[in-house]
Amino acid sequence: MTDQVYDPERAAKLALLLRAIAERIAELRTNAELLAAGPELMKMMGDARSELFHYEVRATYDTPEVAESRRVVREAQERDALSFEDDPGDEPWRGR
């Protein structure tokens, strides 16, 4: 279950990873240094990209409890919508 939910500790590590990339870029003063660090930055950005993907997927993941709650609400809304529909033969004096 813990793999499906992105916990606050892991989110904090992701924030640190993103800040580390920003700090590393800021350390590279010249264009030549920045371009020379391309492979290092690509690896850091790749790691961040992968972790950001996991964050996005798991941050929007419904736990079984949340999914069950959504199902109950959806079924109740559908049931209420059906109960308010008029049966054409129910009250013939009503106009359509």
PDB file of N, CA and C in Angstrom:
ATOM      1  N   MET A   1       0.828  -1.188   0.000  1.00  0.00           N
ATOM      2  CA  MET A   1       0.000   0.000   0.000  1.00  0.00           C
ATOM      3  C   MET A   1       0.873   1.253   0.000  1.00  0.00           C
ATOM      4  N   THR A   2       1.995   1.242   0.729  1.00  0.00           N
ATOM      5  CA  THR A   2       2.805   2.452   0.842  1.00  0.00           C
ATOM      6  C   THR A   2       3.394   2.858  -0.498  1.00  0.00           C
ATOM      7  N   ASP A   3       3.576   1.927  -1.422  1.00  0.00           N
ATOM      8  CA  ASP A   3       4.116   2.264  -2.731  1.00  0.00           C
ATOM      9  C   ASP A   3       3.109   3.037  -3.570  1.00  0.00           C
ATOM     10  N   GLN A   4       1.835   2.950  -3.240  1.00  0.00           N
ATOM     11  CA  GLN A   4       0.801   3.587  -4.039  1.00  0.00           C
ATOM     12  C   GLN A   4       0.494   5.010  -3.591  1.00  0.00           C
ATOM     13  N   VAL A   5       0.962   5.377  -2.409  1.00  0.00           N
ATOM     14  CA  VAL A   5       0.694   6.708  -1.880  1.00  0.00           C
ATOM     15  C   VAL A   5       2.020   7.432  -1.695  1.00  0.00           C
ATOM     16  N   TYR A   6       2.077   8.664  -2.148  1.00  0.00           N
ATOM     17  CA  TYR A   6       3.304   9.454  -2.051  1.00  0.00           C
ATOM     18  C   TYR A   6       3.314  10.161  -0.712  1.00  0.00           C
ATOM     19  N   ASP A   7       4.147   9.682   0.209  1.00  0.00           N
ATOM     20  CA  ASP A   7       4.130  10.225   1.571  1.00  0.00           C
ATOM     21  C   ASP A   7       4.892  11.553   1.665  1.00  0.00           C
ATOM     22  N   PRO A   8       4.649  12.313   2.728  1.00  0.00           N
ATOM     23  CA  PRO A   8       5.289  13.629   2.886  1.00  0.00           C
ATOM     24  C   PRO A   8       6.817  13.571   2.915  1.00  0.00           C
ATOM     25  N   GLU A   9       7.377  12.511   3.479  1.00  0.00           N
ATOM     26  CA  GLU A   9       8.843  12.382   3.522  1.00  0.00           C
ATOM     27  C   GLU A   9       9.417  12.264   2.106  1.00  0.00           C
ATOM     28  N   ARG A  10       8.773  11.491   1.279  1.00  0.00           N
ATOM     29  CA  ARG A  10       9.249  11.333  -0.096  1.00  0.00           C
ATOM     30  C   ARG A  10       9.066  12.635  -0.876  1.00  0.00           C
ATOM     31  N   ALA A  11       7.987  13.354  -0.609  1.00  0.00           N
ATOM     32  CA  ALA A  11       7.767  14.645  -1.260  1.00  0.00           C
ATOM     33  C   ALA A  11       8.860  15.635  -0.861  1.00  0.00           C
ATOM     34  N   ALA A  12       9.268  15.610   0.399  1.00  0.00           N
ATOM     35  CA  ALA A  12      10.336  16.495   0.862  1.00  0.00           C
ATOM     36  C   ALA A  12      11.655  16.156   0.160  1.00  0.00           C
ATOM     37  N   LYS A  13      11.914  14.870  -0.040  1.00  0.00           N
ATOM     38  CA  LYS A  13      13.133  14.461  -0.759  1.00  0.00           C
ATOM     39  C   LYS A  13      13.101  14.939  -2.208  1.00  0.00           C
ATOM     40  N   LEU A  14      11.926  14.885  -2.817  1.00  0.00           N
ATOM     41  CA  LEU A  14      11.787  15.382  -4.190  1.00  0.00           C
ATOM     42  C   LEU A  14      12.069  16.873  -4.240  1.00  0.00           C
ATOM     43  N   ALA A  15      11.543  17.626  -3.295  1.00  0.00           N
ATOM     44  CA  ALA A  15      11.800  19.068  -3.245  1.00  0.00           C
ATOM     45  C   ALA A  15      13.298  19.335  -3.093  1.00  0.00           C
ATOM     46  N   LEU A  16      13.980  18.548  -2.259  1.00  0.00           N
ATOM     47  CA  LEU A  16      15.431  18.700  -2.097  1.00  0.00           C
ATOM     48  C   LEU A  16      16.169  18.392  -3.399  1.00  0.00           C
ATOM     49  N   LEU A  17      15.729  17.379  -4.101  1.00  0.00           N
ATOM     50  CA  LEU A  17      16.345  17.017  -5.381  1.00  0.00           C
ATOM     51  C   LEU A  17      16.210  18.156  -6.389  1.00  0.00           C
ATOM     52  N   LEU A  18      15.037  18.752  -6.450  1.00  0.00           N
ATOM     53  CA  LEU A  18      14.823  19.870  -7.375  1.00  0.00           C
ATOM     54  C   LEU A  18      15.675  21.084  -6.985  1.00  0.00           C
ATOM     55  N   ARG A  19      15.777  21.336  -5.695  1.00  0.00           N
ATOM     56  CA  ARG A  19      16.618  22.449  -5.232  1.00  0.00           C
ATOM     57  C   ARG A  19      18.096  22.179  -5.521  1.00  0.00           C
ATOM     58  N   ALA A  20      18.519  20.927  -5.409  1.00  0.00           N
ATOM     59  CA  ALA A  20      19.910  20.562  -5.700  1.00  0.00           C
ATOM     60  C   ALA A  20      20.245  20.847  -7.161  1.00  0.00           C
ATOM     61  N   ILE A  21      19.307  20.571  -8.042  1.00  0.00           N
ATOM     62  CA  ILE A  21      19.528  20.880  -9.466  1.00  0.00           C
ATOM     63  C   ILE A  21      19.689  22.384  -9.639  1.00  0.00           C
ATOM     64  N   ALA A  22      18.799  23.147  -9.024  1.00  0.00           N
ATOM     65  CA  ALA A  22      18.872  24.608  -9.137  1.00  0.00           C
ATOM     66  C   ALA A  22      20.188  25.132  -8.567  1.00  0.00           C
ATOM     67  N   GLU A  23      20.614  24.613  -7.421  1.00  0.00           N
ATOM     68  CA  GLU A  23      21.872  25.047  -6.807  1.00  0.00           C
ATOM     69  C   GLU A  23      23.066  24.698  -7.683  1.00  0.00           C
ATOM     70  N   ARG A  24      23.039  23.500  -8.259  1.00  0.00           N
ATOM     71  CA  ARG A  24      24.154  23.086  -9.124  1.00  0.00           C
ATOM     72  C   ARG A  24      24.242  23.990 -10.341  1.00  0.00           C
ATOM     73  N   ILE A  25      23.139  24.322 -10.935  1.00  0.00           N
ATOM     74  CA  ILE A  25      23.130  25.224 -12.092  1.00  0.00           C
ATOM     75  C   ILE A  25      23.649  26.596 -11.680  1.00  0.00           C
ATOM     76  N   ALA A  26      23.236  27.067 -10.517  1.00  0.00           N
ATOM     77  CA  ALA A  26      23.688  28.375 -10.038  1.00  0.00           C
ATOM     78  C   ALA A  26      25.196  28.387  -9.779  1.00  0.00           C
ATOM     79  N   GLU A  27      25.761  27.255  -9.390  1.00  0.00           N
ATOM     80  CA  GLU A  27      27.212  27.157  -9.147  1.00  0.00           C
ATOM     81  C   GLU A  27      28.018  27.303 -10.431  1.00  0.00           C
ATOM     82  N   LEU A  28      27.446  26.941 -11.536  1.00  0.00           N
ATOM     83  CA  LEU A  28      28.161  26.970 -12.818  1.00  0.00           C
ATOM     84  C   LEU A  28      28.100  28.394 -13.368  1.00  0.00           C
ATOM     85  N   ARG A  29      29.190  29.128 -13.208  1.00  0.00           N
ATOM     86  CA  ARG A  29      29.206  30.568 -13.478  1.00  0.00           C
ATOM     87  C   ARG A  29      29.227  30.919 -14.966  1.00  0.00           C
ATOM     88  N   THR A  30      29.987  30.207 -15.733  1.00  0.00           N
ATOM     89  CA  THR A  30      30.125  30.581 -17.143  1.00  0.00           C
ATOM     90  C   THR A  30      29.317  29.648 -18.023  1.00  0.00           C
ATOM     91  N   ASN A  31      29.097  30.108 -19.236  1.00  0.00           N
ATOM     92  CA  ASN A  31      28.397  29.256 -20.210  1.00  0.00           C
ATOM     93  C   ASN A  31      29.186  27.980 -20.464  1.00  0.00           C
ATOM     94  N   ALA A  32      30.510  28.087 -20.504  1.00  0.00           N
ATOM     95  CA  ALA A  32      31.352  26.914 -20.760  1.00  0.00           C
ATOM     96  C   ALA A  32      31.199  25.888 -19.639  1.00  0.00           C
ATOM     97  N   GLU A  33      31.178  26.355 -18.392  1.00  0.00           N
ATOM     98  CA  GLU A  33      30.998  25.432 -17.261  1.00  0.00           C
ATOM     99  C   GLU A  33      29.615  24.769 -17.324  1.00  0.00           C
ATOM    100  N   LEU A  34      28.626  25.577 -17.640  1.00  0.00           N
ATOM    101  CA  LEU A  34      27.256  25.061 -17.708  1.00  0.00           C
ATOM    102  C   LEU A  34      27.127  23.997 -18.783  1.00  0.00           C
ATOM    103  N   LEU A  35      27.693  24.280 -19.948  1.00  0.00           N
ATOM    104  CA  LEU A  35      27.600  23.315 -21.049  1.00  0.00           C
ATOM    105  C   LEU A  35      28.442  22.075 -20.776  1.00  0.00           C
ATOM    106  N   ALA A  36      29.586  22.252 -20.128  1.00  0.00           N
ATOM    107  CA  ALA A  36      30.440  21.110 -19.815  1.00  0.00           C
ATOM    108  C   ALA A  36      29.776  20.184 -18.794  1.00  0.00           C
ATOM    109  N   ALA A  37      28.917  20.728 -17.970  1.00  0.00           N
ATOM    110  CA  ALA A  37      28.235  19.928 -16.953  1.00  0.00           C
ATOM    111  C   ALA A  37      26.976  19.257 -17.508  1.00  0.00           C
ATOM    112  N   GLY A  38      26.810  19.312 -18.808  1.00  0.00           N
ATOM    113  CA  GLY A  38      25.619  18.738 -19.444  1.00  0.00           C
ATOM    114  C   GLY A  38      25.287  17.317 -19.006  1.00  0.00           C
ATOM    115  N   PRO A  39      26.234  16.384 -19.085  1.00  0.00           N
ATOM    116  CA  PRO A  39      25.905  15.005 -18.686  1.00  0.00           C
ATOM    117  C   PRO A  39      25.468  14.889 -17.217  1.00  0.00           C
ATOM    118  N   GLU A  40      26.154  15.612 -16.339  1.00  0.00           N
ATOM    119  CA  GLU A  40      25.788  15.593 -14.918  1.00  0.00           C
ATOM    120  C   GLU A  40      24.376  16.139 -14.722  1.00  0.00           C
ATOM    121  N   LEU A  41      24.087  17.248 -15.382  1.00  0.00           N
ATOM    122  CA  LEU A  41      22.767  17.862 -15.247  1.00  0.00           C
ATOM    123  C   LEU A  41      21.678  16.984 -15.854  1.00  0.00           C
ATOM    124  N   MET A  42      21.989  16.336 -16.966  1.00  0.00           N
ATOM    125  CA  MET A  42      21.019  15.438 -17.596  1.00  0.00           C
ATOM    126  C   MET A  42      20.660  14.285 -16.652  1.00  0.00           C
ATOM    127  N   LYS A  43      21.672  13.745 -15.952  1.00  0.00           N
ATOM    128  CA  LYS A  43      21.393  12.663 -15.011  1.00  0.00           C
ATOM    129  C   LYS A  43      20.524  13.180 -13.869  1.00  0.00           C
ATOM    130  N   MET A  44      20.885  14.336 -13.319  1.00  0.00           N
ATOM    131  CA  MET A  44      20.100  14.905 -12.220  1.00  0.00           C
ATOM    132  C   MET A  44      18.666  15.184 -12.672  1.00  0.00           C
ATOM    133  N   MET A  45      18.519  15.747 -13.864  1.00  0.00           N
ATOM    134  CA  MET A  45      17.174  16.056 -14.364  1.00  0.00           C
ATOM    135  C   MET A  45      16.395  14.785 -14.674  1.00  0.00           C
ATOM    136  N   GLY A  46      17.088  13.752 -15.138  1.00  0.00           N
ATOM    137  CA  GLY A  46      16.424  12.473 -15.386  1.00  0.00           C
ATOM    138  C   GLY A  46      15.881  11.865 -14.104  1.00  0.00           C
ATOM    139  N   ASP A  47      16.698  11.917 -13.045  1.00  0.00           N
ATOM    140  CA  ASP A  47      16.245  11.410 -11.745  1.00  0.00           C
ATOM    141  C   ASP A  47      15.039  12.208 -11.257  1.00  0.00           C
ATOM    142  N   ALA A  48      15.130  13.534 -11.397  1.00  0.00           N
ATOM    143  CA  ALA A  48      14.024  14.398 -10.956  1.00  0.00           C
ATOM    144  C   ALA A  48      12.770  14.135 -11.791  1.00  0.00           C
ATOM    145  N   ARG A  49      12.958  13.968 -13.084  1.00  0.00           N
ATOM    146  CA  ARG A  49      11.807  13.704 -13.970  1.00  0.00           C
ATOM    147  C   ARG A  49      11.103  12.413 -13.574  1.00  0.00           C
ATOM    148  N   SER A  50      11.880  11.386 -13.311  1.00  0.00           N
ATOM    149  CA  SER A  50      11.304  10.103 -12.895  1.00  0.00           C
ATOM    150  C   SER A  50      10.550  10.252 -11.582  1.00  0.00           C
ATOM    151  N   GLU A  51      11.158  10.937 -10.632  1.00  0.00           N
ATOM    152  CA  GLU A  51      10.513  11.104  -9.328  1.00  0.00           C
ATOM    153  C   GLU A  51       9.277  11.998  -9.439  1.00  0.00           C
ATOM    154  N   LEU A  52       9.338  13.022 -10.284  1.00  0.00           N
ATOM    155  CA  LEU A  52       8.167  13.875 -10.499  1.00  0.00           C
ATOM    156  C   LEU A  52       7.010  13.078 -11.090  1.00  0.00           C
ATOM    157  N   PHE A  53       7.334  12.156 -11.992  1.00  0.00           N
ATOM    158  CA  PHE A  53       6.300  11.296 -12.561  1.00  0.00           C
ATOM    159  C   PHE A  53       5.632  10.471 -11.466  1.00  0.00           C
ATOM    160  N   HIS A  54       6.457   9.859 -10.601  1.00  0.00           N
ATOM    161  CA  HIS A  54       5.897   9.064  -9.503  1.00  0.00           C
ATOM    162  C   HIS A  54       5.055   9.928  -8.574  1.00  0.00           C
ATOM    163  N   TYR A  55       5.522  11.132  -8.322  1.00  0.00           N
ATOM    164  CA  TYR A  55       4.764  12.048  -7.470  1.00  0.00           C
ATOM    165  C   TYR A  55       3.401  12.343  -8.092  1.00  0.00           C
ATOM    166  N   GLU A  56       3.399  12.669  -9.372  1.00  0.00           N
ATOM    167  CA  GLU A  56       2.144  13.014 -10.048  1.00  0.00           C
ATOM    168  C   GLU A  56       1.175  11.831 -10.030  1.00  0.00           C
ATOM    169  N   VAL A  57       1.659  10.648 -10.320  1.00  0.00           N
ATOM    170  CA  VAL A  57       0.798   9.467 -10.363  1.00  0.00           C
ATOM    171  C   VAL A  57       0.264   9.132  -8.972  1.00  0.00           C
ATOM    172  N   ARG A  58       1.131   9.128  -7.983  1.00  0.00           N
ATOM    173  CA  ARG A  58       0.717   8.713  -6.645  1.00  0.00           C
ATOM    174  C   ARG A  58      -0.025   9.804  -5.890  1.00  0.00           C
ATOM    175  N   ALA A  59       0.246  11.055  -6.206  1.00  0.00           N
ATOM    176  CA  ALA A  59      -0.483  12.137  -5.548  1.00  0.00           C
ATOM    177  C   ALA A  59      -1.946  12.140  -5.981  1.00  0.00           C
ATOM    178  N   THR A  60      -2.219  11.616  -7.165  1.00  0.00           N
ATOM    179  CA  THR A  60      -3.592  11.581  -7.661  1.00  0.00           C
ATOM    180  C   THR A  60      -4.231  10.200  -7.496  1.00  0.00           C
ATOM    181  N   TYR A  61      -3.504   9.259  -6.912  1.00  0.00           N
ATOM    182  CA  TYR A  61      -4.001   7.898  -6.717  1.00  0.00           C
ATOM    183  C   TYR A  61      -5.076   7.869  -5.637  1.00  0.00           C
ATOM    184  N   ASP A  62      -6.146   7.199  -5.920  1.00  0.00           N
ATOM    185  CA  ASP A  62      -7.193   7.001  -4.919  1.00  0.00           C
ATOM    186  C   ASP A  62      -6.864   5.756  -4.111  1.00  0.00           C
ATOM    187  N   THR A  63      -6.773   5.908  -2.819  1.00  0.00           N
ATOM    188  CA  THR A  63      -6.612   4.748  -1.960  1.00  0.00           C
ATOM    189  C   THR A  63      -7.904   3.931  -2.049  1.00  0.00           C
ATOM    190  N   PRO A  64      -7.876   2.689  -1.656  1.00  0.00           N
ATOM    191  CA  PRO A  64      -9.110   1.891  -1.710  1.00  0.00           C
ATOM    192  C   PRO A  64     -10.263   2.537  -0.942  1.00  0.00           C
ATOM    193  N   GLU A  65      -9.959   3.182   0.176  1.00  0.00           N
ATOM    194  CA  GLU A  65     -11.004   3.834   0.957  1.00  0.00           C
ATOM    195  C   GLU A  65     -11.622   5.000   0.181  1.00  0.00           C
ATOM    196  N   VAL A  66     -10.770   5.807  -0.462  1.00  0.00           N
ATOM    197  CA  VAL A  66     -11.263   6.953  -1.234  1.00  0.00           C
ATOM    198  C   VAL A  66     -12.056   6.461  -2.441  1.00  0.00           C
ATOM    199  N   ALA A  67     -11.555   5.435  -3.110  1.00  0.00           N
ATOM    200  CA  ALA A  67     -12.269   4.883  -4.269  1.00  0.00           C
ATOM    201  C   ALA A  67     -13.643   4.362  -3.856  1.00  0.00           C
ATOM    202  N   GLU A  68     -13.715   3.702  -2.699  1.00  0.00           N
ATOM    203  CA  GLU A  68     -15.002   3.196  -2.213  1.00  0.00           C
ATOM    204  C   GLU A  68     -15.952   4.351  -1.899  1.00  0.00           C
ATOM    205  N   SER A  69     -15.437   5.407  -1.288  1.00  0.00           N
ATOM    206  CA  SER A  69     -16.275   6.574  -0.988  1.00  0.00           C
ATOM    207  C   SER A  69     -16.808   7.199  -2.266  1.00  0.00           C
ATOM    208  N   ARG A  70     -15.948   7.325  -3.268  1.00  0.00           N
ATOM    209  CA  ARG A  70     -16.391   7.888  -4.548  1.00  0.00           C
ATOM    210  C   ARG A  70     -17.475   7.022  -5.184  1.00  0.00           C
ATOM    211  N   ARG A  71     -17.312   5.694  -5.086  1.00  0.00           N
ATOM    212  CA  ARG A  71     -18.302   4.785  -5.654  1.00  0.00           C
ATOM    213  C   ARG A  71     -19.647   4.950  -4.952  1.00  0.00           C
ATOM    214  N   VAL A  72     -19.637   5.038  -3.642  1.00  0.00           N
ATOM    215  CA  VAL A  72     -20.880   5.185  -2.880  1.00  0.00           C
ATOM    216  C   VAL A  72     -21.584   6.481  -3.266  1.00  0.00           C
ATOM    217  N   VAL A  73     -20.820   7.568  -3.355  1.00  0.00           N
ATOM    218  CA  VAL A  73     -21.412   8.863  -3.728  1.00  0.00           C
ATOM    219  C   VAL A  73     -21.971   8.797  -5.143  1.00  0.00           C
ATOM    220  N   ARG A  74     -21.203   8.211  -6.073  1.00  0.00           N
ATOM    221  CA  ARG A  74     -21.658   8.111  -7.466  1.00  0.00           C
ATOM    222  C   ARG A  74     -22.955   7.307  -7.561  1.00  0.00           C
ATOM    223  N   GLU A  75     -23.009   6.171  -6.855  1.00  0.00           N
ATOM    224  CA  GLU A  75     -24.227   5.352  -6.883  1.00  0.00           C
ATOM    225  C   GLU A  75     -25.405   6.093  -6.265  1.00  0.00           C
ATOM    226  N   ALA A  76     -25.171   6.828  -5.193  1.00  0.00           N
ATOM    227  CA  ALA A  76     -26.258   7.584  -4.562  1.00  0.00           C
ATOM    228  C   ALA A  76     -26.764   8.672  -5.508  1.00  0.00           C
ATOM    229  N   GLN A  77     -25.860   9.327  -6.213  1.00  0.00           N
ATOM    230  CA  GLN A  77     -26.273  10.361  -7.165  1.00  0.00           C
ATOM    231  C   GLN A  77     -27.063   9.757  -8.313  1.00  0.00           C
ATOM    232  N   GLU A  78     -26.628   8.613  -8.803  1.00  0.00           N
ATOM    233  CA  GLU A  78     -27.357   7.946  -9.888  1.00  0.00           C
ATOM    234  C   GLU A  78     -28.738   7.499  -9.418  1.00  0.00           C
ATOM    235  N   ARG A  79     -28.819   6.978  -8.210  1.00  0.00           N
ATOM    236  CA  ARG A  79     -30.096   6.519  -7.664  1.00  0.00           C
ATOM    237  C   ARG A  79     -31.051   7.698  -7.489  1.00  0.00           C
ATOM    238  N   ASP A  80     -30.544   8.821  -6.975  1.00  0.00           N
ATOM    239  CA  ASP A  80     -31.379  10.014  -6.815  1.00  0.00           C
ATOM    240  C   ASP A  80     -31.840  10.545  -8.157  1.00  0.00           C
ATOM    241  N   ALA A  81     -30.964  10.525  -9.146  1.00  0.00           N
ATOM    242  CA  ALA A  81     -31.338  11.016 -10.475  1.00  0.00           C
ATOM    243  C   ALA A  81     -32.461  10.161 -11.057  1.00  0.00           C
ATOM    244  N   LEU A  82     -32.397   8.871 -10.830  1.00  0.00           N
ATOM    245  CA  LEU A  82     -33.433   7.978 -11.350  1.00  0.00           C
ATOM    246  C   LEU A  82     -34.752   8.160 -10.598  1.00  0.00           C
ATOM    247  N   SER A  83     -34.698   8.428  -9.310  1.00  0.00           N
ATOM    248  CA  SER A  83     -35.927   8.524  -8.536  1.00  0.00           C
ATOM    249  C   SER A  83     -36.735   9.771  -8.880  1.00  0.00           C
ATOM    250  N   PHE A  84     -36.105  10.768  -9.453  1.00  0.00           N
ATOM    251  CA  PHE A  84     -36.815  11.993  -9.794  1.00  0.00           C
ATOM    252  C   PHE A  84     -37.382  11.989 -11.213  1.00  0.00           C
ATOM    253  N   GLU A  85     -37.047  10.965 -11.962  1.00  0.00           N
ATOM    254  CA  GLU A  85     -37.579  10.890 -13.320  1.00  0.00           C
ATOM    255  C   GLU A  85     -39.057  10.490 -13.246  1.00  0.00           C
ATOM    256  N   ASP A  86     -39.876  11.145 -14.048  1.00  0.00           N
ATOM    257  CA  ASP A  86     -41.306  10.828 -14.073  1.00  0.00           C
ATOM    258  C   ASP A  86     -41.557   9.603 -14.933  1.00  0.00           C
ATOM    259  N   ASP A  87     -42.363   8.735 -14.426  1.00  0.00           N
ATOM    260  CA  ASP A  87     -42.820   7.586 -15.182  1.00  0.00           C
ATOM    261  C   ASP A  87     -44.023   8.068 -15.983  1.00  0.00           C
ATOM    262  N   PRO A  88     -44.015   7.928 -17.316  1.00  0.00           N
ATOM    263  CA  PRO A  88     -45.114   8.456 -18.127  1.00  0.00           C
ATOM    264  C   PRO A  88     -46.489   7.926 -17.712  1.00  0.00           C
ATOM    265  N   GLY A  89     -46.579   6.731 -17.189  1.00  0.00           N
ATOM    266  CA  GLY A  89     -47.867   6.169 -16.802  1.00  0.00           C
ATOM    267  C   GLY A  89     -48.206   6.412 -15.346  1.00  0.00           C
ATOM    268  N   ASP A  90     -47.332   7.060 -14.620  1.00  0.00           N
ATOM    269  CA  ASP A  90     -47.517   7.240 -13.178  1.00  0.00           C
ATOM    270  C   ASP A  90     -48.609   8.248 -12.863  1.00  0.00           C
ATOM    271  N   GLU A  91     -48.537   9.430 -13.437  1.00  0.00           N
ATOM    272  CA  GLU A  91     -49.522  10.477 -13.200  1.00  0.00           C
ATOM    273  C   GLU A  91     -49.918  11.084 -14.552  1.00  0.00           C
ATOM    274  N   PRO A  92     -50.900  10.488 -15.209  1.00  0.00           N
ATOM    275  CA  PRO A  92     -51.233  10.907 -16.572  1.00  0.00           C
ATOM    276  C   PRO A  92     -51.756  12.344 -16.681  1.00  0.00           C
ATOM    277  N   TRP A  93     -52.216  12.937 -15.580  1.00  0.00           N
ATOM    278  CA  TRP A  93     -52.731  14.300 -15.659  1.00  0.00           C
ATOM    279  C   TRP A  93     -51.609  15.343 -15.767  1.00  0.00           C
ATOM    280  N   ARG A  94     -50.357  14.917 -15.484  1.00  0.00           N
ATOM    281  CA  ARG A  94     -49.255  15.869 -15.601  1.00  0.00           C
ATOM    282  C   ARG A  94     -48.865  16.042 -17.063  1.00  0.00           C
ATOM    283  N   GLY A  95     -48.625  17.255 -17.417  1.00  0.00           N
ATOM    284  CA  GLY A  95     -48.128  17.519 -18.769  1.00  0.00           C
ATOM    285  C   GLY A  95     -46.649  17.207 -18.875  1.00  0.00           C
ATOM    286  N   ARG A  96     -46.240  16.993 -20.055  1.00  0.00           N
ATOM    287  CA  ARG A  96     -44.815  16.690 -20.248  1.00  0.00           C
ATOM    288  C   ARG A  96     -44.033  17.934 -20.496  1.00  0.00           C
TER     289      ARG A  96
END
